[in-house]
PDB file of N, CA and C in Angstrom:
ATOM      1  N   UNK A   1       0.685  -1.119  -0.004  1.00  0.00           N
ATOM      2  CA  UNK A   1       0.047   0.000  -0.203  1.00  0.00           C
ATOM      3  C   UNK A   1       0.807   1.255  -0.024  1.00  0.00           C
ATOM      4  N   UNK A   2       0.554   2.306  -0.919  1.00  0.00           N
ATOM      5  CA  UNK A   2       1.213   3.373  -0.923  1.00  0.00           C
ATOM      6  C   UNK A   2       0.112   4.538  -0.767  1.00  0.00           C
ATOM      7  N   UNK A   3       0.463   5.277   0.173  1.00  0.00           N
ATOM      8  CA  UNK A   3      -0.545   6.581   0.506  1.00  0.00           C
ATOM      9  C   UNK A   3       0.062   7.745  -0.113  1.00  0.00           C
ATOM     10  N   UNK A   4      -0.884   8.177  -0.720  1.00  0.00           N
ATOM     11  CA  UNK A   4      -0.508   9.650  -1.367  1.00  0.00           C
ATOM     12  C   UNK A   4      -1.339  10.901  -0.699  1.00  0.00           C
ATOM     13  N   UNK A   5      -0.998  12.108  -0.803  1.00  0.00           N
ATOM     14  CA  UNK A   5      -1.589  13.027  -0.272  1.00  0.00           C
ATOM     15  C   UNK A   5      -2.798  13.263  -1.039  1.00  0.00           C
ATOM     16  N   UNK A   6      -4.011  13.744  -0.444  1.00  0.00           N
ATOM     17  CA  UNK A   6      -5.301  14.055  -0.893  1.00  0.00           C
ATOM     18  C   UNK A   6      -4.914  14.914  -1.949  1.00  0.00           C
ATOM     19  N   UNK A   7      -5.635  14.867  -3.141  1.00  0.00           N
ATOM     20  CA  UNK A   7      -5.210  15.546  -4.530  1.00  0.00           C
ATOM     21  C   UNK A   7      -5.551  16.913  -4.290  1.00  0.00           C
ATOM     22  N   UNK A   8      -6.971  16.997  -3.859  1.00  0.00           N
ATOM     23  CA  UNK A   8      -7.320  18.153  -3.873  1.00  0.00           C
ATOM     24  C   UNK A   8      -7.765  19.267  -5.133  1.00  0.00           C
ATOM     25  N   UNK A   9      -6.880  18.783  -6.305  1.00  0.00           N
ATOM     26  CA  UNK A   9      -6.777  19.549  -7.823  1.00  0.00           C
ATOM     27  C   UNK A   9      -6.973  18.432  -8.688  1.00  0.00           C
ATOM     28  N   UNK A  10      -7.609  18.672  -9.766  1.00  0.00           N
ATOM     29  CA  UNK A  10      -7.453  17.701 -10.933  1.00  0.00           C
ATOM     30  C   UNK A  10      -5.931  17.262 -11.392  1.00  0.00           C
ATOM     31  N   UNK A  11      -5.235  18.243 -11.191  1.00  0.00           N
ATOM     32  CA  UNK A  11      -3.937  17.869 -11.747  1.00  0.00           C
ATOM     33  C   UNK A  11      -3.501  17.058 -10.597  1.00  0.00           C
ATOM     34  N   UNK A  12      -3.614  16.998  -9.513  1.00  0.00           N
ATOM     35  CA  UNK A  12      -2.940  16.101  -8.577  1.00  0.00           C
ATOM     36  C   UNK A  12      -3.425  14.784  -8.644  1.00  0.00           C
ATOM     37  N   UNK A  13      -4.833  14.782  -8.846  1.00  0.00           N
ATOM     38  CA  UNK A  13      -5.579  13.643  -8.955  1.00  0.00           C
ATOM     39  C   UNK A  13      -5.251  12.785 -10.158  1.00  0.00           C
ATOM     40  N   UNK A  14      -5.049  13.442 -11.286  1.00  0.00           N
ATOM     41  CA  UNK A  14      -4.463  12.819 -12.386  1.00  0.00           C
ATOM     42  C   UNK A  14      -3.000  12.220 -12.249  1.00  0.00           C
ATOM     43  N   UNK A  15      -2.032  13.048 -11.716  1.00  0.00           N
ATOM     44  CA  UNK A  15      -0.934  12.724 -11.227  1.00  0.00           C
ATOM     45  C   UNK A  15      -1.057  11.576 -10.310  1.00  0.00           C
ATOM     46  N   UNK A  16      -1.714  11.463  -9.290  1.00  0.00           N
ATOM     47  CA  UNK A  16      -1.933  10.129  -8.593  1.00  0.00           C
ATOM     48  C   UNK A  16      -2.246   9.048  -9.200  1.00  0.00           C
ATOM     49  N   UNK A  17      -3.211   9.176 -10.135  1.00  0.00           N
ATOM     50  CA  UNK A  17      -3.674   8.038 -10.900  1.00  0.00           C
ATOM     51  C   UNK A  17      -2.539   7.550 -11.989  1.00  0.00           C
ATOM     52  N   UNK A  18      -1.848   8.313 -12.648  1.00  0.00           N
ATOM     53  CA  UNK A  18      -0.898   8.035 -13.586  1.00  0.00           C
ATOM     54  C   UNK A  18       0.301   7.220 -12.456  1.00  0.00           C
ATOM     55  N   UNK A  19       0.560   7.596 -11.474  1.00  0.00           N
ATOM     56  CA  UNK A  19       1.514   6.996 -10.576  1.00  0.00           C
ATOM     57  C   UNK A  19       1.210   5.664 -10.369  1.00  0.00           C
ATOM     58  N   UNK A  20      -0.157   5.538 -10.140  1.00  0.00           N
ATOM     59  CA  UNK A  20      -0.847   4.229  -9.772  1.00  0.00           C
ATOM     60  C   UNK A  20      -0.595   3.087 -11.117  1.00  0.00           C
ATOM     61  N   UNK A  21      -0.944   3.695 -12.211  1.00  0.00           N
ATOM     62  CA  UNK A  21      -0.768   2.801 -13.624  1.00  0.00           C
ATOM     63  C   UNK A  21       0.701   2.395 -13.789  1.00  0.00           C
ATOM     64  N   UNK A  22       1.810   3.404 -13.211  1.00  0.00           N
ATOM     65  CA  UNK A  22       3.064   2.904 -13.633  1.00  0.00           C
ATOM     66  C   UNK A  22       3.563   1.813 -12.731  1.00  0.00           C
ATOM     67  N   UNK A  23       2.940   1.532 -11.779  1.00  0.00           N
ATOM     68  CA  UNK A  23       3.422   0.629 -10.759  1.00  0.00           C
ATOM     69  C   UNK A  23       2.750  -0.669 -10.916  1.00  0.00           C
ATOM     70  N   UNK A  24       3.470  -1.833 -11.296  1.00  0.00           N
ATOM     71  CA  UNK A  24       2.622  -2.929 -11.865  1.00  0.00           C
ATOM     72  C   UNK A  24       2.256  -3.913 -10.720  1.00  0.00           C
ATOM     73  N   UNK A  25       2.513  -3.399  -9.452  1.00  0.00           N
ATOM     74  CA  UNK A  25       1.657  -4.129  -8.460  1.00  0.00           C
ATOM     75  C   UNK A  25       0.630  -3.376  -7.884  1.00  0.00           C
ATOM     76  N   UNK A  26       0.040  -2.338  -8.610  1.00  0.00           N
ATOM     77  CA  UNK A  26      -1.222  -1.753  -8.150  1.00  0.00           C
ATOM     78  C   UNK A  26      -2.406  -2.630  -8.548  1.00  0.00           C
ATOM     79  N   UNK A  27      -3.418  -2.891  -7.526  1.00  0.00           N
ATOM     80  CA  UNK A  27      -4.549  -3.652  -7.832  1.00  0.00           C
ATOM     81  C   UNK A  27      -5.730  -2.686  -7.607  1.00  0.00           C
ATOM     82  N   UNK A  28      -5.536  -1.849  -7.007  1.00  0.00           N
ATOM     83  CA  UNK A  28      -6.757  -0.890  -6.694  1.00  0.00           C
ATOM     84  C   UNK A  28      -6.354   0.495  -6.243  1.00  0.00           C
ATOM     85  N   UNK A  29      -7.203   1.542  -6.297  1.00  0.00           N
ATOM     86  CA  UNK A  29      -7.016   2.655  -5.991  1.00  0.00           C
ATOM     87  C   UNK A  29      -8.048   3.549  -5.326  1.00  0.00           C
ATOM     88  N   UNK A  30      -7.844   3.778  -3.975  1.00  0.00           N
ATOM     89  CA  UNK A  30      -8.625   4.437  -3.025  1.00  0.00           C
ATOM     90  C   UNK A  30      -8.839   5.934  -3.216  1.00  0.00           C
ATOM     91  N   UNK A  31      -9.729   6.375  -3.471  1.00  0.00           N
ATOM     92  CA  UNK A  31      -9.933   8.002  -3.514  1.00  0.00           C
ATOM     93  C   UNK A  31     -11.184   8.396  -2.624  1.00  0.00           C
ATOM     94  N   UNK A  32     -10.928   9.508  -2.192  1.00  0.00           N
ATOM     95  CA  UNK A  32     -12.201  10.383  -1.490  1.00  0.00           C
ATOM     96  C   UNK A  32     -13.314  10.515  -2.807  1.00  0.00           C
ATOM     97  N   UNK A  33     -14.509  10.358  -1.959  1.00  0.00           N
ATOM     98  CA  UNK A  33     -15.769  10.343  -2.870  1.00  0.00           C
ATOM     99  C   UNK A  33     -15.858  11.864  -3.352  1.00  0.00           C
ATOM    100  N   UNK A  34     -14.749  12.695  -3.630  1.00  0.00           N
ATOM    101  CA  UNK A  34     -15.311  13.759  -4.529  1.00  0.00           C
ATOM    102  C   UNK A  34     -15.753  13.483  -5.783  1.00  0.00           C
ATOM    103  N   UNK A  35     -17.166  13.664  -6.362  1.00  0.00           N
ATOM    104  CA  UNK A  35     -17.199  13.239  -7.872  1.00  0.00           C
ATOM    105  C   UNK A  35     -16.541  13.805  -8.796  1.00  0.00           C
ATOM    106  N   UNK A  36     -15.796  15.081  -8.591  1.00  0.00           N
ATOM    107  CA  UNK A  36     -15.129  15.626  -9.797  1.00  0.00           C
ATOM    108  C   UNK A  36     -13.716  14.890 -10.027  1.00  0.00           C
ATOM    109  N   UNK A  37     -13.224  14.640  -8.770  1.00  0.00           N
ATOM    110  CA  UNK A  37     -11.885  13.853  -8.808  1.00  0.00           C
ATOM    111  C   UNK A  37     -11.920  12.830  -9.273  1.00  0.00           C
ATOM    112  N   UNK A  38     -12.861  11.924  -8.697  1.00  0.00           N
ATOM    113  CA  UNK A  38     -13.149  10.407  -8.990  1.00  0.00           C
ATOM    114  C   UNK A  38     -13.290  10.302 -10.149  1.00  0.00           C
ATOM    115  N   UNK A  39     -14.130  11.086 -10.925  1.00  0.00           N
ATOM    116  CA  UNK A  39     -14.479  11.194 -12.488  1.00  0.00           C
ATOM    117  C   UNK A  39     -13.000  11.260 -13.396  1.00  0.00           C
ATOM    118  N   UNK A  40     -12.408  12.258 -12.960  1.00  0.00           N
ATOM    119  CA  UNK A  40     -11.192  12.470 -13.855  1.00  0.00           C
ATOM    120  C   UNK A  40     -10.173  11.511 -13.708  1.00  0.00           C
ATOM    121  N   UNK A  41      -9.838  10.949 -12.452  1.00  0.00           N
ATOM    122  CA  UNK A  41      -9.171   9.744 -12.050  1.00  0.00           C
ATOM    123  C   UNK A  41      -9.354   8.369 -12.805  1.00  0.00           C
ATOM    124  N   UNK A  42     -10.822   8.319 -12.797  1.00  0.00           N
ATOM    125  CA  UNK A  42     -11.344   6.881 -13.407  1.00  0.00           C
ATOM    126  C   UNK A  42     -11.065   6.522 -14.742  1.00  0.00           C
ATOM    127  N   UNK A  43     -10.859   7.519 -15.767  1.00  0.00           N
ATOM    128  CA  UNK A  43     -10.633   7.245 -17.090  1.00  0.00           C
ATOM    129  C   UNK A  43      -9.319   6.702 -17.186  1.00  0.00           C
ATOM    130  N   UNK A  44      -8.174   7.325 -16.458  1.00  0.00           N
ATOM    131  CA  UNK A  44      -6.882   6.941 -16.524  1.00  0.00           C
ATOM    132  C   UNK A  44      -6.571   5.832 -15.879  1.00  0.00           C
ATOM    133  N   UNK A  45      -7.378   5.151 -14.847  1.00  0.00           N
ATOM    134  CA  UNK A  45      -7.295   3.942 -14.119  1.00  0.00           C
ATOM    135  C   UNK A  45      -8.092   2.847 -15.053  1.00  0.00           C
ATOM    136  N   UNK A  46      -9.048   3.257 -15.342  1.00  0.00           N
ATOM    137  CA  UNK A  46      -9.845   2.090 -16.460  1.00  0.00           C
ATOM    138  C   UNK A  46      -9.003   1.925 -17.685  1.00  0.00           C
ATOM    139  N   UNK A  47      -8.189   2.848 -18.137  1.00  0.00           N
ATOM    140  CA  UNK A  47      -7.244   2.254 -19.080  1.00  0.00           C
ATOM    141  C   UNK A  47      -6.314   1.349 -18.677  1.00  0.00           C
ATOM    142  N   UNK A  48      -5.822   1.268 -17.592  1.00  0.00           N
ATOM    143  CA  UNK A  48      -4.965   0.224 -17.094  1.00  0.00           C
ATOM    144  C   UNK A  48      -5.500  -0.832 -16.421  1.00  0.00           C
ATOM    145  N   UNK A  49      -7.157  -0.710 -16.214  1.00  0.00           N
ATOM    146  CA  UNK A  49      -7.585  -2.020 -15.613  1.00  0.00           C
ATOM    147  C   UNK A  49      -7.446  -1.856 -14.145  1.00  0.00           C
ATOM    148  N   UNK A  50      -7.454  -0.640 -13.513  1.00  0.00           N
ATOM    149  CA  UNK A  50      -7.102  -0.525 -12.118  1.00  0.00           C
ATOM    150  C   UNK A  50      -8.571  -0.095 -11.635  1.00  0.00           C
ATOM    151  N   UNK A  51      -9.065  -0.905 -10.655  1.00  0.00           N
ATOM    152  CA  UNK A  51     -10.218  -0.590  -9.874  1.00  0.00           C
ATOM    153  C   UNK A  51     -10.241   0.635  -9.072  1.00  0.00           C
ATOM    154  N   UNK A  52     -11.055   1.366  -9.217  1.00  0.00           N
ATOM    155  CA  UNK A  52     -11.202   2.537  -8.180  1.00  0.00           C
ATOM    156  C   UNK A  52     -12.267   2.603  -7.156  1.00  0.00           C
ATOM    157  N   UNK A  53     -12.023   2.566  -5.762  1.00  0.00           N
ATOM    158  CA  UNK A  53     -12.944   2.715  -4.887  1.00  0.00           C
ATOM    159  C   UNK A  53     -12.995   3.960  -3.995  1.00  0.00           C
ATOM    160  N   UNK A  54     -14.295   4.463  -3.962  1.00  0.00           N
ATOM    161  CA  UNK A  54     -14.512   5.829  -3.332  1.00  0.00           C
ATOM    162  C   UNK A  54     -15.640   5.630  -2.405  1.00  0.00           C
ATOM    163  N   UNK A  55     -15.424   5.386  -1.058  1.00  0.00           N
ATOM    164  CA  UNK A  55     -16.219   5.220  -0.076  1.00  0.00           C
ATOM    165  C   UNK A  55     -16.100   6.486   0.752  1.00  0.00           C
ATOM    166  N   UNK A  56     -16.906   6.651   1.798  1.00  0.00           N
ATOM    167  CA  UNK A  56     -17.029   7.783   2.853  1.00  0.00           C
ATOM    168  C   UNK A  56     -15.786   7.683   3.651  1.00  0.00           C
ATOM    169  N   UNK A  57     -15.387   6.373   3.954  1.00  0.00           N
ATOM    170  CA  UNK A  57     -14.222   6.379   4.795  1.00  0.00           C
ATOM    171  C   UNK A  57     -12.982   5.295   4.175  1.00  0.00           C
ATOM    172  N   UNK A  58     -11.898   5.843   4.659  1.00  0.00           N
ATOM    173  CA  UNK A  58     -10.642   4.958   4.096  1.00  0.00           C
ATOM    174  C   UNK A  58     -11.034   3.585   4.781  1.00  0.00           C
ATOM    175  N   UNK A  59     -11.601   3.437   5.909  1.00  0.00           N
ATOM    176  CA  UNK A  59     -11.493   1.947   6.351  1.00  0.00           C
ATOM    177  C   UNK A  59     -12.723   1.205   5.503  1.00  0.00           C
ATOM    178  N   UNK A  60     -13.421   1.962   4.792  1.00  0.00           N
ATOM    179  CA  UNK A  60     -14.703   1.206   4.199  1.00  0.00           C
ATOM    180  C   UNK A  60     -13.998   1.028   2.863  1.00  0.00           C
ATOM    181  N   UNK A  61     -13.450   1.802   2.170  1.00  0.00           N
ATOM    182  CA  UNK A  61     -12.851   1.642   1.015  1.00  0.00           C
ATOM    183  C   UNK A  61     -11.724   0.692   0.987  1.00  0.00           C
ATOM    184  N   UNK A  62     -10.922   0.285   2.229  1.00  0.00           N
ATOM    185  CA  UNK A  62     -10.044  -0.484   2.257  1.00  0.00           C
ATOM    186  C   UNK A  62     -10.573  -1.881   2.349  1.00  0.00           C
ATOM    187  N   UNK A  63     -11.831  -2.226   3.243  1.00  0.00           N
ATOM    188  CA  UNK A  63     -12.584  -3.297   3.200  1.00  0.00           C
ATOM    189  C   UNK A  63     -13.237  -3.672   1.931  1.00  0.00           C
ATOM    190  N   UNK A  64     -13.579  -2.707   1.190  1.00  0.00           N
ATOM    191  CA  UNK A  64     -14.267  -3.232  -0.097  1.00  0.00           C
ATOM    192  C   UNK A  64     -12.965  -3.844  -1.001  1.00  0.00           C
ATOM    193  N   UNK A  65     -11.853  -3.090  -1.195  1.00  0.00           N
ATOM    194  CA  UNK A  65     -10.705  -3.599  -1.887  1.00  0.00           C
ATOM    195  C   UNK A  65     -10.233  -4.950  -1.551  1.00  0.00           C
ATOM    196  N   UNK A  66     -10.249  -5.131  -0.163  1.00  0.00           N
ATOM    197  CA  UNK A  66      -9.622  -6.450   0.321  1.00  0.00           C
ATOM    198  C   UNK A  66     -10.577  -7.511   0.070  1.00  0.00           C
ATOM    199  N   UNK A  67     -12.004  -7.053   0.328  1.00  0.00           N
ATOM    200  CA  UNK A  67     -12.962  -8.426  -0.398  1.00  0.00           C
ATOM    201  C   UNK A  67     -12.756  -8.557  -1.791  1.00  0.00           C
ATOM    202  N   UNK A  68     -12.566  -7.627  -2.580  1.00  0.00           N
ATOM    203  CA  UNK A  68     -12.445  -7.910  -3.906  1.00  0.00           C
ATOM    204  C   UNK A  68     -11.017  -8.687  -4.247  1.00  0.00           C
ATOM    205  N   UNK A  69     -10.195  -8.431  -3.465  1.00  0.00           N
ATOM    206  CA  UNK A  69      -8.923  -9.408  -3.648  1.00  0.00           C
ATOM    207  C   UNK A  69      -9.204 -10.611  -3.289  1.00  0.00           C
ATOM    208  N   UNK A  70      -9.992 -11.019  -2.201  1.00  0.00           N
ATOM    209  CA  UNK A  70     -10.277 -12.191  -1.878  1.00  0.00           C
ATOM    210  C   UNK A  70     -11.132 -13.158  -2.717  1.00  0.00           C
ATOM    211  N   UNK A  71     -12.153 -12.213  -3.546  1.00  0.00           N
ATOM    212  CA  UNK A  71     -12.841 -12.861  -4.393  1.00  0.00           C
ATOM    213  C   UNK A  71     -12.306 -13.078  -5.757  1.00  0.00           C
ATOM    214  N   UNK A  72     -11.111 -12.244  -6.084  1.00  0.00           N
ATOM    215  CA  UNK A  72     -10.360 -12.468  -7.626  1.00  0.00           C
ATOM    216  C   UNK A  72     -10.203 -13.843  -7.731  1.00  0.00           C
ATOM    217  N   UNK A  73     -10.587 -14.436  -9.083  1.00  0.00           N
ATOM    218  CA  UNK A  73     -10.585 -15.774  -9.565  1.00  0.00           C
ATOM    219  C   UNK A  73      -9.092 -16.167 -10.346  1.00  0.00           C
ATOM    220  N   UNK A  74      -8.306 -15.100 -10.291  1.00  0.00           N
ATOM    221  CA  UNK A  74      -7.160 -15.269 -11.131  1.00  0.00           C
ATOM    222  C   UNK A  74      -5.889 -14.609 -10.367  1.00  0.00           C
ATOM    223  N   UNK A  75      -5.304 -15.384  -9.393  1.00  0.00           N
ATOM    224  CA  UNK A  75      -4.199 -14.496  -8.677  1.00  0.00           C
ATOM    225  C   UNK A  75      -3.153 -14.280  -9.521  1.00  0.00           C
ATOM    226  N   UNK A  76      -2.859 -14.904 -10.678  1.00  0.00           N
ATOM    227  CA  UNK A  76      -1.851 -14.441 -11.604  1.00  0.00           C
ATOM    228  C   UNK A  76      -2.039 -13.197 -12.216  1.00  0.00           C
ATOM    229  N   UNK A  77      -3.360 -12.692 -12.130  1.00  0.00           N
ATOM    230  CA  UNK A  77      -3.630 -11.569 -12.919  1.00  0.00           C
ATOM    231  C   UNK A  77      -4.772 -10.680 -11.904  1.00  0.00           C
ATOM    232  N   UNK A  78      -4.012 -10.469 -10.823  1.00  0.00           N
ATOM    233  CA  UNK A  78      -4.834  -9.934  -9.868  1.00  0.00           C
ATOM    234  C   UNK A  78      -5.364  -8.662 -10.087  1.00  0.00           C
ATOM    235  N   UNK A  79      -4.516  -7.668 -10.761  1.00  0.00           N
ATOM    236  CA  UNK A  79      -5.189  -6.464 -11.028  1.00  0.00           C
ATOM    237  C   UNK A  79      -6.319  -6.515 -11.850  1.00  0.00           C
ATOM    238  N   UNK A  80      -6.571  -7.393 -12.953  1.00  0.00           N
ATOM    239  CA  UNK A  80      -7.584  -7.610 -13.836  1.00  0.00           C
ATOM    240  C   UNK A  80      -8.792  -8.285 -12.958  1.00  0.00           C
ATOM    241  N   UNK A  81      -8.426  -9.035 -12.329  1.00  0.00           N
ATOM    242  CA  UNK A  81      -9.349  -9.943 -11.288  1.00  0.00           C
ATOM    243  C   UNK A  81     -10.171  -8.838 -10.536  1.00  0.00           C
ATOM    244  N   UNK A  82      -9.225  -8.051  -9.687  1.00  0.00           N
ATOM    245  CA  UNK A  82      -9.758  -7.152  -9.006  1.00  0.00           C
ATOM    246  C   UNK A  82     -10.552  -6.227  -9.531  1.00  0.00           C
ATOM    247  N   UNK A  83     -10.434  -5.875 -10.929  1.00  0.00           N
ATOM    248  CA  UNK A  83     -11.103  -4.725 -11.866  1.00  0.00           C
ATOM    249  C   UNK A  83     -12.155  -5.637 -12.055  1.00  0.00           C
ATOM    250  N   UNK A  84     -12.279  -6.672 -12.307  1.00  0.00           N
ATOM    251  CA  UNK A  84     -13.627  -7.159 -12.806  1.00  0.00           C
ATOM    252  C   UNK A  84     -14.667  -7.400 -11.836  1.00  0.00           C
ATOM    253  N   UNK A  85     -14.161  -7.778 -10.387  1.00  0.00           N
ATOM    254  CA  UNK A  85     -14.846  -7.854  -9.299  1.00  0.00           C
ATOM    255  C   UNK A  85     -15.732  -6.570  -8.996  1.00  0.00           C
ATOM    256  N   UNK A  86     -14.953  -5.342  -9.159  1.00  0.00           N
ATOM    257  CA  UNK A  86     -15.272  -4.004  -8.619  1.00  0.00           C
ATOM    258  C   UNK A  86     -16.152  -3.448  -9.729  1.00  0.00           C
ATOM    259  N   UNK A  87     -15.486  -3.570 -11.053  1.00  0.00           N
ATOM    260  CA  UNK A  87     -16.154  -3.063 -12.312  1.00  0.00           C
ATOM    261  C   UNK A  87     -15.677  -1.545 -12.308  1.00  0.00           C
TER     262      UNK A  87
END
């Protein structure tokens, strides 16, 4: 897990999303439920098959991601499996 600063701006949200796509170990991206920031980063993450989770709390987001990891059907392709579970 890598924790990044709250983006606050579209430019920072995009930079965080691009950083996630460049890391081959990324299986999910937790973001605050700001609709503008979440929408902006989603297109970047979708292109790399990285699921985005935006819940009201970090704890709820992490629980959602961990559940998706447990339900993933292909451990050799965990990123894609988690993406398909979370859509």
